[in-house]
Amino acid sequence: MSIMQFTQTVQIMPPTQMRRSKRTTQPTLPGMETEQAQAQKVTNRQIAEVLASIADMIESQNGNHYRIQAYRNAARGVLDLQESVVDILTRGAPLVIPGLGERLRTRIKDLALHGSMTINSGFYAQTLPQGVRILLTVEHIGLYTAIRLHEELGIDSIEKLYAEAQLHHIRELPGFGVRSEARLQRMAENIMRNRQTTHNHAPLGGAA
């Protein structure tokens, strides 16, 4: 029997893309074009923060102790480097971090050079509560959203999802808002409507 394990992609958002000021509308001075257009590279601190956050996430799931320690050691190792990880990897040199495994080394490389990395979440489909698995069938609901809705609001069915959205309880959770709540309510309503339509068109028992 195959067991599905969930994965998660972590991405670093460049701060230069998050903020805009009126100064950006001013004409560019001669000779400054290349410097302004240059993409901001990922810093060692950003990499270390991501690694430490992943360790905290795994720990909150009661995950493997050695995996937690590996991510924390890697975070400390990155901070101890005297040179940028990006510069080290760009010139083809190895990352000299004690105890760094090949898999984690590859993920750090992805994070440094591409700004994102994909990790196993630690959750297997068959170990998730039934309510979480039900929520995962709803469009726009990912693994961690399903877990939060289940744990923080006790939602374990499509009907409860619709009811909590209708009562405006979902928008009160950190990270949610009026628009995301309305979208979830619409998705739940569509599923319930489709169920009713299917039920109404089901053939009567014993009919030829």
N, C-alpha and C. Protein backbone atom coordinates (compact mmCIF):
# COMPACT_ATOMS: atom_id res chain seq x y z
N MET A 1 0.85 -1.19 0.00
CA MET A 1 0.00 0.00 0.00
C MET A 1 0.89 1.24 0.00
N SER A 2 0.67 2.18 -0.93
CA SER A 2 1.47 3.39 -0.99
C SER A 2 0.96 4.40 0.04
N ILE A 3 1.89 5.12 0.63
CA ILE A 3 1.55 6.13 1.63
C ILE A 3 2.02 7.48 1.11
N MET A 4 1.12 8.44 1.01
CA MET A 4 1.46 9.75 0.49
C MET A 4 1.99 10.64 1.61
N GLN A 5 3.17 11.25 1.37
CA GLN A 5 3.70 12.21 2.32
C GLN A 5 3.62 13.59 1.70
N PHE A 6 3.24 14.57 2.50
CA PHE A 6 3.09 15.93 2.01
C PHE A 6 4.42 16.65 2.01
N THR A 7 4.59 17.56 1.07
CA THR A 7 5.77 18.39 1.00
C THR A 7 5.36 19.85 1.09
N GLN A 8 6.34 20.71 1.40
CA GLN A 8 6.08 22.13 1.52
C GLN A 8 7.22 22.88 0.87
N THR A 9 6.91 23.96 0.15
CA THR A 9 7.93 24.80 -0.45
C THR A 9 8.06 26.08 0.35
N VAL A 10 9.29 26.37 0.78
CA VAL A 10 9.58 27.59 1.53
C VAL A 10 10.28 28.55 0.60
N GLN A 11 9.83 29.80 0.58
CA GLN A 11 10.37 30.78 -0.36
C GLN A 11 10.73 32.06 0.37
N ILE A 12 11.88 32.63 0.01
CA ILE A 12 12.30 33.92 0.55
C ILE A 12 11.84 35.00 -0.41
N MET A 13 11.08 35.97 0.12
CA MET A 13 10.60 37.07 -0.70
C MET A 13 11.59 38.22 -0.62
N PRO A 14 12.14 38.68 -1.75
CA PRO A 14 13.09 39.80 -1.72
C PRO A 14 12.40 41.06 -1.21
N PRO A 15 12.98 41.72 -0.21
CA PRO A 15 12.34 42.92 0.34
C PRO A 15 12.20 44.04 -0.67
N THR A 16 13.05 44.05 -1.70
CA THR A 16 12.96 45.10 -2.69
C THR A 16 11.69 44.98 -3.52
N GLN A 17 11.08 43.77 -3.56
CA GLN A 17 9.84 43.60 -4.30
C GLN A 17 8.63 43.86 -3.43
N MET A 18 8.85 43.94 -2.10
CA MET A 18 7.75 44.15 -1.18
C MET A 18 7.48 45.62 -0.93
N ARG A 19 8.48 46.49 -1.12
CA ARG A 19 8.32 47.89 -0.81
C ARG A 19 8.56 48.74 -2.05
N ARG A 20 7.76 49.77 -2.20
CA ARG A 20 7.94 50.75 -3.27
C ARG A 20 7.82 52.14 -2.66
N SER A 21 8.63 53.06 -3.09
CA SER A 21 8.55 54.43 -2.61
C SER A 21 8.43 55.37 -3.79
N LYS A 22 8.13 56.63 -3.50
CA LYS A 22 7.99 57.62 -4.56
C LYS A 22 9.31 57.86 -5.26
N ARG A 23 10.41 57.53 -4.58
CA ARG A 23 11.71 57.75 -5.18
C ARG A 23 11.91 56.91 -6.43
N THR A 24 11.25 55.77 -6.53
CA THR A 24 11.45 54.88 -7.67
C THR A 24 10.90 55.49 -8.96
N THR A 25 10.08 56.54 -8.83
CA THR A 25 9.51 57.17 -10.02
C THR A 25 10.44 58.25 -10.57
N GLN A 26 11.52 58.59 -9.82
CA GLN A 26 12.44 59.62 -10.26
C GLN A 26 13.33 59.07 -11.37
N PRO A 27 13.79 59.94 -12.28
CA PRO A 27 14.69 59.49 -13.36
C PRO A 27 15.97 58.89 -12.78
N THR A 28 16.45 57.82 -13.40
CA THR A 28 17.68 57.17 -12.96
C THR A 28 18.89 57.96 -13.41
N LEU A 29 19.83 58.21 -12.51
CA LEU A 29 21.03 58.95 -12.85
C LEU A 29 21.92 58.13 -13.76
N PRO A 30 22.62 58.77 -14.68
CA PRO A 30 23.54 58.04 -15.57
C PRO A 30 24.56 57.24 -14.77
N GLY A 31 24.75 56.00 -15.16
CA GLY A 31 25.71 55.14 -14.49
C GLY A 31 25.15 54.37 -13.31
N MET A 32 23.89 54.64 -12.93
CA MET A 32 23.28 53.98 -11.78
C MET A 32 22.31 52.89 -12.18
N GLU A 33 22.04 52.72 -13.47
CA GLU A 33 21.03 51.78 -13.92
C GLU A 33 21.33 50.35 -13.49
N THR A 34 22.55 49.87 -13.69
CA THR A 34 22.91 48.49 -13.38
C THR A 34 22.82 48.21 -11.89
N GLU A 35 23.27 49.16 -11.08
CA GLU A 35 23.26 48.95 -9.63
C GLU A 35 21.84 48.87 -9.11
N GLN A 36 20.92 49.70 -9.60
CA GLN A 36 19.54 49.68 -9.13
C GLN A 36 18.82 48.43 -9.58
N ALA A 37 19.16 47.94 -10.77
CA ALA A 37 18.44 46.79 -11.33
C ALA A 37 18.97 45.46 -10.78
N GLN A 38 20.13 45.51 -10.12
CA GLN A 38 20.74 44.27 -9.64
C GLN A 38 19.87 43.61 -8.58
N ALA A 39 19.61 42.33 -8.74
CA ALA A 39 18.78 41.60 -7.79
C ALA A 39 19.51 41.44 -6.47
N GLN A 40 18.78 41.58 -5.39
CA GLN A 40 19.37 41.43 -4.07
C GLN A 40 19.55 39.95 -3.75
N LYS A 41 20.77 39.56 -3.42
CA LYS A 41 21.04 38.15 -3.19
C LYS A 41 20.60 37.74 -1.79
N VAL A 42 20.35 36.45 -1.64
CA VAL A 42 19.92 35.89 -0.37
C VAL A 42 21.08 35.96 0.63
N THR A 43 20.80 36.42 1.83
CA THR A 43 21.84 36.57 2.84
C THR A 43 21.94 35.32 3.72
N ASN A 44 23.06 35.19 4.41
CA ASN A 44 23.24 34.07 5.33
C ASN A 44 22.21 34.11 6.45
N ARG A 45 21.88 35.32 6.92
CA ARG A 45 20.88 35.43 7.99
C ARG A 45 19.52 34.94 7.53
N GLN A 46 19.13 35.27 6.31
CA GLN A 46 17.85 34.79 5.78
C GLN A 46 17.83 33.26 5.72
N ILE A 47 18.92 32.68 5.24
CA ILE A 47 19.00 31.22 5.15
C ILE A 47 18.89 30.60 6.54
N ALA A 48 19.63 31.16 7.50
CA ALA A 48 19.62 30.63 8.87
C ALA A 48 18.23 30.75 9.49
N GLU A 49 17.52 31.85 9.23
CA GLU A 49 16.18 32.03 9.78
C GLU A 49 15.21 30.99 9.23
N VAL A 50 15.34 30.68 7.93
CA VAL A 50 14.49 29.67 7.32
C VAL A 50 14.77 28.30 7.94
N LEU A 51 16.04 27.95 8.07
CA LEU A 51 16.42 26.65 8.64
C LEU A 51 15.92 26.52 10.09
N ALA A 52 16.08 27.59 10.88
CA ALA A 52 15.62 27.55 12.27
C ALA A 52 14.10 27.44 12.34
N SER A 53 13.40 28.11 11.43
CA SER A 53 11.94 28.04 11.41
C SER A 53 11.45 26.63 11.06
N ILE A 54 12.16 25.99 10.13
CA ILE A 54 11.80 24.62 9.76
C ILE A 54 12.01 23.69 10.96
N ALA A 55 13.10 23.89 11.69
CA ALA A 55 13.36 23.08 12.88
C ALA A 55 12.23 23.25 13.90
N ASP A 56 11.78 24.49 14.10
CA ASP A 56 10.68 24.75 15.03
C ASP A 56 9.40 24.08 14.56
N MET A 57 9.16 24.11 13.23
CA MET A 57 7.96 23.49 12.68
C MET A 57 7.96 21.98 12.91
N ILE A 58 9.10 21.35 12.65
CA ILE A 58 9.21 19.90 12.85
C ILE A 58 9.04 19.55 14.32
N GLU A 59 9.61 20.39 15.20
CA GLU A 59 9.48 20.15 16.63
C GLU A 59 8.03 20.26 17.09
N SER A 60 7.28 21.23 16.52
CA SER A 60 5.88 21.39 16.89
C SER A 60 5.03 20.20 16.48
N GLN A 61 5.53 19.44 15.50
CA GLN A 61 4.82 18.24 15.03
C GLN A 61 5.32 16.98 15.75
N ASN A 62 6.16 17.18 16.79
CA ASN A 62 6.77 16.05 17.49
C ASN A 62 7.56 15.17 16.53
N GLY A 63 8.29 15.85 15.63
CA GLY A 63 9.05 15.14 14.61
C GLY A 63 10.35 14.55 15.13
N ASN A 64 11.12 13.98 14.21
CA ASN A 64 12.36 13.30 14.54
C ASN A 64 13.37 14.26 15.19
N HIS A 65 13.88 13.86 16.35
CA HIS A 65 14.81 14.73 17.11
C HIS A 65 16.08 15.01 16.31
N TYR A 66 16.60 14.02 15.63
CA TYR A 66 17.84 14.20 14.88
C TYR A 66 17.64 15.13 13.69
N ARG A 67 16.46 15.09 13.10
CA ARG A 67 16.16 15.99 11.98
C ARG A 67 16.07 17.44 12.47
N ILE A 68 15.44 17.63 13.63
CA ILE A 68 15.34 18.96 14.23
C ILE A 68 16.74 19.51 14.50
N GLN A 69 17.58 18.67 15.11
CA GLN A 69 18.93 19.10 15.46
C GLN A 69 19.76 19.39 14.21
N ALA A 70 19.54 18.63 13.15
CA ALA A 70 20.29 18.84 11.91
C ALA A 70 20.00 20.23 11.33
N TYR A 71 18.73 20.63 11.34
CA TYR A 71 18.37 21.95 10.80
C TYR A 71 18.92 23.07 11.69
N ARG A 72 18.89 22.88 13.00
CA ARG A 72 19.41 23.91 13.91
C ARG A 72 20.93 24.02 13.80
N ASN A 73 21.60 22.89 13.67
CA ASN A 73 23.05 22.92 13.49
C ASN A 73 23.42 23.60 12.18
N ALA A 74 22.63 23.32 11.14
CA ALA A 74 22.88 23.94 9.85
C ALA A 74 22.68 25.46 9.92
N ALA A 75 21.66 25.90 10.67
CA ALA A 75 21.41 27.33 10.83
C ALA A 75 22.59 28.01 11.53
N ARG A 76 23.08 27.38 12.60
CA ARG A 76 24.23 27.95 13.31
C ARG A 76 25.48 27.94 12.42
N GLY A 77 25.64 26.85 11.65
CA GLY A 77 26.79 26.76 10.77
C GLY A 77 26.79 27.84 9.70
N VAL A 78 25.62 28.14 9.16
CA VAL A 78 25.51 29.19 8.14
C VAL A 78 25.87 30.55 8.74
N LEU A 79 25.40 30.82 9.96
CA LEU A 79 25.71 32.09 10.61
C LEU A 79 27.19 32.22 10.94
N ASP A 80 27.87 31.10 11.18
CA ASP A 80 29.29 31.12 11.53
C ASP A 80 30.20 31.32 10.32
N LEU A 81 29.66 31.17 9.12
CA LEU A 81 30.48 31.33 7.92
C LEU A 81 30.96 32.77 7.80
N GLN A 82 32.20 32.93 7.38
CA GLN A 82 32.78 34.27 7.22
C GLN A 82 32.49 34.86 5.84
N GLU A 83 31.83 34.08 5.00
CA GLU A 83 31.55 34.51 3.63
C GLU A 83 30.11 34.16 3.28
N SER A 84 29.55 34.88 2.34
CA SER A 84 28.19 34.62 1.89
C SER A 84 28.07 33.23 1.28
N VAL A 85 27.00 32.51 1.64
CA VAL A 85 26.75 31.19 1.06
C VAL A 85 26.62 31.30 -0.46
N VAL A 86 25.97 32.34 -0.92
CA VAL A 86 25.79 32.55 -2.36
C VAL A 86 27.14 32.66 -3.05
N ASP A 87 28.07 33.43 -2.47
CA ASP A 87 29.39 33.61 -3.08
C ASP A 87 30.18 32.30 -3.08
N ILE A 88 30.07 31.55 -1.99
CA ILE A 88 30.78 30.27 -1.90
C ILE A 88 30.30 29.31 -2.98
N LEU A 89 28.97 29.19 -3.11
CA LEU A 89 28.41 28.26 -4.08
C LEU A 89 28.63 28.72 -5.52
N THR A 90 28.62 30.03 -5.73
CA THR A 90 28.79 30.56 -7.08
C THR A 90 30.16 30.22 -7.64
N ARG A 91 31.17 30.23 -6.79
CA ARG A 91 32.52 29.89 -7.28
C ARG A 91 32.80 28.39 -7.23
N GLY A 92 31.78 27.60 -6.83
CA GLY A 92 31.91 26.15 -6.87
C GLY A 92 32.59 25.54 -5.68
N ALA A 93 32.77 26.29 -4.62
CA ALA A 93 33.43 25.76 -3.42
C ALA A 93 32.40 25.05 -2.52
N PRO A 94 32.84 24.09 -1.70
CA PRO A 94 31.91 23.39 -0.81
C PRO A 94 31.57 24.23 0.41
N LEU A 95 30.40 23.97 1.00
CA LEU A 95 30.02 24.62 2.24
C LEU A 95 30.67 23.86 3.39
N VAL A 96 31.57 24.52 4.10
CA VAL A 96 32.27 23.86 5.20
C VAL A 96 31.47 24.09 6.47
N ILE A 97 30.49 23.20 6.68
CA ILE A 97 29.64 23.24 7.88
C ILE A 97 29.68 21.85 8.50
N PRO A 98 30.18 21.72 9.72
CA PRO A 98 30.30 20.40 10.36
C PRO A 98 28.95 19.68 10.45
N GLY A 99 28.94 18.40 10.06
CA GLY A 99 27.75 17.57 10.19
C GLY A 99 26.67 17.81 9.17
N LEU A 100 26.95 18.61 8.15
CA LEU A 100 25.94 18.92 7.14
C LEU A 100 25.79 17.77 6.16
N GLY A 101 24.59 17.15 6.13
CA GLY A 101 24.35 16.03 5.23
C GLY A 101 24.12 16.48 3.80
N GLU A 102 24.22 15.54 2.87
CA GLU A 102 24.12 15.87 1.46
C GLU A 102 22.73 16.39 1.09
N ARG A 103 21.67 15.80 1.68
CA ARG A 103 20.31 16.25 1.35
C ARG A 103 20.08 17.68 1.81
N LEU A 104 20.50 17.99 3.03
CA LEU A 104 20.32 19.34 3.55
C LEU A 104 21.23 20.32 2.82
N ARG A 105 22.39 19.87 2.41
CA ARG A 105 23.31 20.70 1.63
C ARG A 105 22.65 21.13 0.32
N THR A 106 21.95 20.19 -0.32
CA THR A 106 21.26 20.48 -1.58
C THR A 106 20.13 21.48 -1.36
N ARG A 107 19.42 21.34 -0.25
CA ARG A 107 18.31 22.26 0.03
C ARG A 107 18.81 23.66 0.33
N ILE A 108 19.92 23.77 1.02
CA ILE A 108 20.51 25.08 1.29
C ILE A 108 20.96 25.73 -0.02
N LYS A 109 21.49 24.92 -0.92
CA LYS A 109 21.92 25.43 -2.23
C LYS A 109 20.71 25.97 -2.99
N ASP A 110 19.60 25.25 -2.99
CA ASP A 110 18.39 25.71 -3.66
C ASP A 110 17.91 27.03 -3.05
N LEU A 111 17.95 27.11 -1.73
CA LEU A 111 17.48 28.30 -1.03
C LEU A 111 18.37 29.50 -1.34
N ALA A 112 19.68 29.27 -1.37
CA ALA A 112 20.62 30.36 -1.61
C ALA A 112 20.59 30.87 -3.05
N LEU A 113 20.53 29.94 -4.00
CA LEU A 113 20.63 30.33 -5.41
C LEU A 113 19.30 30.62 -6.06
N HIS A 114 18.22 30.02 -5.55
CA HIS A 114 16.91 30.19 -6.18
C HIS A 114 15.87 30.83 -5.27
N GLY A 115 16.20 30.97 -4.00
CA GLY A 115 15.28 31.62 -3.07
C GLY A 115 14.16 30.74 -2.56
N SER A 116 14.22 29.43 -2.84
CA SER A 116 13.17 28.53 -2.35
C SER A 116 13.74 27.13 -2.15
N MET A 117 13.06 26.35 -1.31
CA MET A 117 13.46 24.97 -1.08
C MET A 117 12.22 24.16 -0.74
N THR A 118 12.20 22.89 -1.10
CA THR A 118 11.07 22.01 -0.84
C THR A 118 11.48 20.97 0.19
N ILE A 119 10.65 20.81 1.22
CA ILE A 119 10.95 19.86 2.29
C ILE A 119 9.75 18.95 2.52
N ASN A 120 10.02 17.78 3.11
CA ASN A 120 8.93 16.92 3.56
C ASN A 120 8.31 17.54 4.79
N SER A 121 7.00 17.62 4.83
CA SER A 121 6.32 18.25 5.95
C SER A 121 6.36 17.39 7.21
N GLY A 122 6.57 16.08 7.05
CA GLY A 122 6.55 15.18 8.19
C GLY A 122 5.19 14.55 8.41
N PHE A 123 4.21 14.98 7.61
CA PHE A 123 2.86 14.42 7.74
C PHE A 123 2.60 13.39 6.66
N TYR A 124 2.04 12.25 7.04
CA TYR A 124 1.59 11.24 6.09
C TYR A 124 0.07 11.26 6.06
N ALA A 125 -0.49 11.07 4.86
CA ALA A 125 -1.93 11.19 4.69
C ALA A 125 -2.71 10.30 5.66
N GLN A 126 -2.24 9.07 5.86
CA GLN A 126 -3.00 8.13 6.68
C GLN A 126 -2.94 8.47 8.17
N THR A 127 -2.00 9.35 8.58
CA THR A 127 -1.89 9.72 9.98
C THR A 127 -2.67 10.97 10.32
N LEU A 128 -3.18 11.67 9.31
CA LEU A 128 -3.93 12.90 9.56
C LEU A 128 -5.33 12.58 10.06
N PRO A 129 -5.90 13.44 10.93
CA PRO A 129 -7.28 13.25 11.38
C PRO A 129 -8.25 13.26 10.20
N GLN A 130 -9.34 12.56 10.32
CA GLN A 130 -10.33 12.47 9.25
C GLN A 130 -10.81 13.86 8.83
N GLY A 131 -11.02 14.74 9.82
CA GLY A 131 -11.49 16.09 9.51
C GLY A 131 -10.52 16.86 8.64
N VAL A 132 -9.22 16.69 8.89
CA VAL A 132 -8.21 17.36 8.09
C VAL A 132 -8.22 16.82 6.66
N ARG A 133 -8.35 15.51 6.53
CA ARG A 133 -8.38 14.90 5.19
C ARG A 133 -9.60 15.39 4.39
N ILE A 134 -10.72 15.60 5.09
CA ILE A 134 -11.92 16.12 4.42
C ILE A 134 -11.67 17.54 3.92
N LEU A 135 -11.05 18.37 4.75
CA LEU A 135 -10.78 19.75 4.36
C LEU A 135 -9.80 19.83 3.19
N LEU A 136 -8.90 18.86 3.08
CA LEU A 136 -7.93 18.86 1.98
C LEU A 136 -8.59 18.62 0.62
N THR A 137 -9.84 18.17 0.62
CA THR A 137 -10.54 17.96 -0.65
C THR A 137 -11.12 19.26 -1.19
N VAL A 138 -11.05 20.33 -0.38
CA VAL A 138 -11.60 21.62 -0.79
C VAL A 138 -10.53 22.43 -1.51
N GLU A 139 -10.89 22.99 -2.66
CA GLU A 139 -9.97 23.81 -3.42
C GLU A 139 -9.52 25.00 -2.58
N HIS A 140 -8.26 25.36 -2.72
CA HIS A 140 -7.63 26.49 -2.01
C HIS A 140 -7.28 26.17 -0.56
N ILE A 141 -7.51 24.95 -0.11
CA ILE A 141 -7.11 24.58 1.25
C ILE A 141 -5.92 23.63 1.17
N GLY A 142 -4.78 24.09 1.69
CA GLY A 142 -3.58 23.27 1.75
C GLY A 142 -3.47 22.58 3.09
N LEU A 143 -2.36 21.88 3.28
CA LEU A 143 -2.19 21.07 4.47
C LEU A 143 -2.27 21.88 5.76
N TYR A 144 -1.47 22.95 5.84
CA TYR A 144 -1.41 23.68 7.10
C TYR A 144 -2.66 24.51 7.35
N THR A 145 -3.31 24.95 6.28
CA THR A 145 -4.60 25.63 6.45
C THR A 145 -5.63 24.66 6.99
N ALA A 146 -5.64 23.44 6.47
CA ALA A 146 -6.59 22.43 6.94
C ALA A 146 -6.35 22.10 8.41
N ILE A 147 -5.08 21.98 8.80
CA ILE A 147 -4.76 21.67 10.19
C ILE A 147 -5.20 22.81 11.11
N ARG A 148 -4.96 24.04 10.70
CA ARG A 148 -5.35 25.18 11.53
C ARG A 148 -6.86 25.27 11.68
N LEU A 149 -7.58 25.10 10.59
CA LEU A 149 -9.05 25.17 10.65
C LEU A 149 -9.60 24.07 11.55
N HIS A 150 -8.97 22.90 11.47
CA HIS A 150 -9.42 21.77 12.28
C HIS A 150 -9.11 21.98 13.76
N GLU A 151 -7.89 22.42 14.05
CA GLU A 151 -7.46 22.54 15.44
C GLU A 151 -8.00 23.79 16.13
N GLU A 152 -8.09 24.90 15.40
CA GLU A 152 -8.46 26.17 16.03
C GLU A 152 -9.97 26.43 16.02
N LEU A 153 -10.68 25.85 15.06
CA LEU A 153 -12.12 26.07 15.00
C LEU A 153 -12.92 24.77 15.08
N GLY A 154 -12.23 23.64 15.13
CA GLY A 154 -12.92 22.36 15.23
C GLY A 154 -13.67 21.97 13.97
N ILE A 155 -13.25 22.49 12.83
CA ILE A 155 -13.92 22.19 11.56
C ILE A 155 -13.48 20.81 11.08
N ASP A 156 -14.44 19.91 10.91
CA ASP A 156 -14.12 18.56 10.45
C ASP A 156 -15.07 18.08 9.37
N SER A 157 -15.80 19.01 8.75
CA SER A 157 -16.70 18.65 7.66
C SER A 157 -16.93 19.86 6.77
N ILE A 158 -17.43 19.62 5.59
CA ILE A 158 -17.72 20.72 4.66
C ILE A 158 -18.82 21.61 5.23
N GLU A 159 -19.79 20.99 5.89
CA GLU A 159 -20.90 21.74 6.48
C GLU A 159 -20.40 22.69 7.58
N LYS A 160 -19.47 22.22 8.40
CA LYS A 160 -18.93 23.08 9.45
C LYS A 160 -18.08 24.20 8.86
N LEU A 161 -17.37 23.90 7.79
CA LEU A 161 -16.58 24.93 7.12
C LEU A 161 -17.48 26.05 6.64
N TYR A 162 -18.60 25.67 6.02
CA TYR A 162 -19.56 26.66 5.53
C TYR A 162 -20.15 27.47 6.69
N ALA A 163 -20.50 26.79 7.78
CA ALA A 163 -21.13 27.45 8.92
C ALA A 163 -20.17 28.43 9.59
N GLU A 164 -18.92 28.03 9.78
CA GLU A 164 -17.95 28.91 10.44
C GLU A 164 -17.64 30.12 9.57
N ALA A 165 -17.63 29.93 8.25
CA ALA A 165 -17.41 31.07 7.36
C ALA A 165 -18.61 32.01 7.40
N GLN A 166 -19.80 31.44 7.44
CA GLN A 166 -21.02 32.24 7.47
C GLN A 166 -21.11 33.06 8.76
N LEU A 167 -20.56 32.51 9.85
CA LEU A 167 -20.56 33.20 11.14
C LEU A 167 -19.37 34.17 11.28
N HIS A 168 -18.54 34.23 10.24
CA HIS A 168 -17.37 35.12 10.21
C HIS A 168 -16.33 34.79 11.27
N HIS A 169 -16.21 33.51 11.60
CA HIS A 169 -15.21 33.08 12.57
C HIS A 169 -13.84 32.88 11.93
N ILE A 170 -13.82 32.51 10.65
CA ILE A 170 -12.55 32.21 9.98
C ILE A 170 -11.71 33.48 9.83
N ARG A 171 -12.35 34.59 9.52
CA ARG A 171 -11.62 35.84 9.32
C ARG A 171 -10.92 36.32 10.60
N GLU A 172 -11.34 35.80 11.74
CA GLU A 172 -10.74 36.19 13.01
C GLU A 172 -9.40 35.50 13.27
N LEU A 173 -9.10 34.46 12.51
CA LEU A 173 -7.83 33.74 12.68
C LEU A 173 -6.70 34.54 12.03
N PRO A 174 -5.53 34.60 12.66
CA PRO A 174 -4.37 35.28 12.05
C PRO A 174 -4.05 34.69 10.69
N GLY A 175 -3.84 35.56 9.72
CA GLY A 175 -3.50 35.10 8.37
C GLY A 175 -4.69 34.96 7.45
N PHE A 176 -5.90 35.03 7.99
CA PHE A 176 -7.10 34.96 7.17
C PHE A 176 -7.72 36.36 7.08
N GLY A 177 -8.64 36.51 6.16
CA GLY A 177 -9.31 37.79 6.00
C GLY A 177 -10.70 37.60 5.43
N VAL A 178 -11.34 38.72 5.12
CA VAL A 178 -12.70 38.67 4.59
C VAL A 178 -12.74 37.94 3.25
N ARG A 179 -11.79 38.22 2.39
CA ARG A 179 -11.79 37.63 1.05
C ARG A 179 -11.52 36.13 1.09
N SER A 180 -10.53 35.71 1.90
CA SER A 180 -10.22 34.28 1.98
C SER A 180 -11.38 33.52 2.63
N GLU A 181 -12.04 34.14 3.61
CA GLU A 181 -13.19 33.52 4.24
C GLU A 181 -14.33 33.35 3.25
N ALA A 182 -14.58 34.38 2.46
CA ALA A 182 -15.64 34.32 1.47
C ALA A 182 -15.35 33.26 0.41
N ARG A 183 -14.09 33.12 0.04
CA ARG A 183 -13.72 32.10 -0.95
C ARG A 183 -13.96 30.71 -0.41
N LEU A 184 -13.59 30.48 0.86
CA LEU A 184 -13.81 29.17 1.47
C LEU A 184 -15.30 28.87 1.61
N GLN A 185 -16.08 29.88 1.95
CA GLN A 185 -17.53 29.68 2.06
C GLN A 185 -18.13 29.31 0.70
N ARG A 186 -17.64 29.97 -0.34
CA ARG A 186 -18.14 29.69 -1.70
C ARG A 186 -17.76 28.27 -2.13
N MET A 187 -16.53 27.85 -1.82
CA MET A 187 -16.10 26.51 -2.18
C MET A 187 -16.93 25.45 -1.45
N ALA A 188 -17.17 25.67 -0.15
CA ALA A 188 -17.97 24.73 0.64
C ALA A 188 -19.40 24.67 0.13
N GLU A 189 -19.94 25.83 -0.22
CA GLU A 189 -21.32 25.87 -0.74
C GLU A 189 -21.43 25.11 -2.06
N ASN A 190 -20.43 25.25 -2.91
CA ASN A 190 -20.43 24.55 -4.20
C ASN A 190 -20.39 23.04 -4.00
N ILE A 191 -19.57 22.59 -3.04
CA ILE A 191 -19.48 21.15 -2.78
C ILE A 191 -20.81 20.61 -2.27
N MET A 192 -21.45 21.34 -1.35
CA MET A 192 -22.74 20.89 -0.80
C MET A 192 -23.82 20.89 -1.88
N ARG A 193 -23.78 21.88 -2.77
CA ARG A 193 -24.76 21.95 -3.84
C ARG A 193 -24.58 20.79 -4.82
N ASN A 194 -23.32 20.48 -5.13
CA ASN A 194 -23.06 19.36 -6.03
C ASN A 194 -23.49 18.03 -5.42
N ARG A 195 -23.29 17.89 -4.11
CA ARG A 195 -23.75 16.68 -3.44
C ARG A 195 -25.26 16.53 -3.56
N GLN A 196 -25.97 17.64 -3.34
CA GLN A 196 -27.42 17.60 -3.40
C GLN A 196 -27.91 17.28 -4.80
N THR A 197 -27.24 17.85 -5.79
CA THR A 197 -27.62 17.58 -7.19
C THR A 197 -27.42 16.11 -7.53
N THR A 198 -26.28 15.55 -7.07
CA THR A 198 -26.00 14.14 -7.33
C THR A 198 -27.02 13.25 -6.64
N HIS A 199 -27.39 13.63 -5.42
CA HIS A 199 -28.37 12.84 -4.67
C HIS A 199 -29.73 12.87 -5.36
N ASN A 200 -30.13 14.02 -5.86
CA ASN A 200 -31.43 14.16 -6.51
C ASN A 200 -31.52 13.39 -7.80
N HIS A 201 -30.38 13.20 -8.46
CA HIS A 201 -30.37 12.50 -9.75
C HIS A 201 -30.03 11.03 -9.59
N ALA A 202 -29.84 10.57 -8.36
CA ALA A 202 -29.52 9.15 -8.14
C ALA A 202 -30.74 8.29 -8.48
N PRO A 203 -30.54 7.15 -9.14
CA PRO A 203 -31.68 6.28 -9.49
C PRO A 203 -32.32 5.67 -8.26
N LEU A 204 -33.62 5.53 -8.30
CA LEU A 204 -34.35 4.92 -7.18
C LEU A 204 -33.99 3.46 -7.08
N GLY A 205 -33.90 2.95 -5.83
CA GLY A 205 -33.56 1.54 -5.62
C GLY A 205 -34.61 0.64 -6.22
N GLY A 206 -34.18 -0.33 -7.02
CA GLY A 206 -35.09 -1.30 -7.62
C GLY A 206 -35.69 -0.87 -8.92
N ALA A 207 -35.44 0.41 -9.34
CA ALA A 207 -36.01 0.89 -10.61
C ALA A 207 -35.27 0.25 -11.77
N ALA A 208 -36.03 -0.11 -12.81
CA ALA A 208 -35.42 -0.75 -13.98
C ALA A 208 -34.84 0.31 -14.91
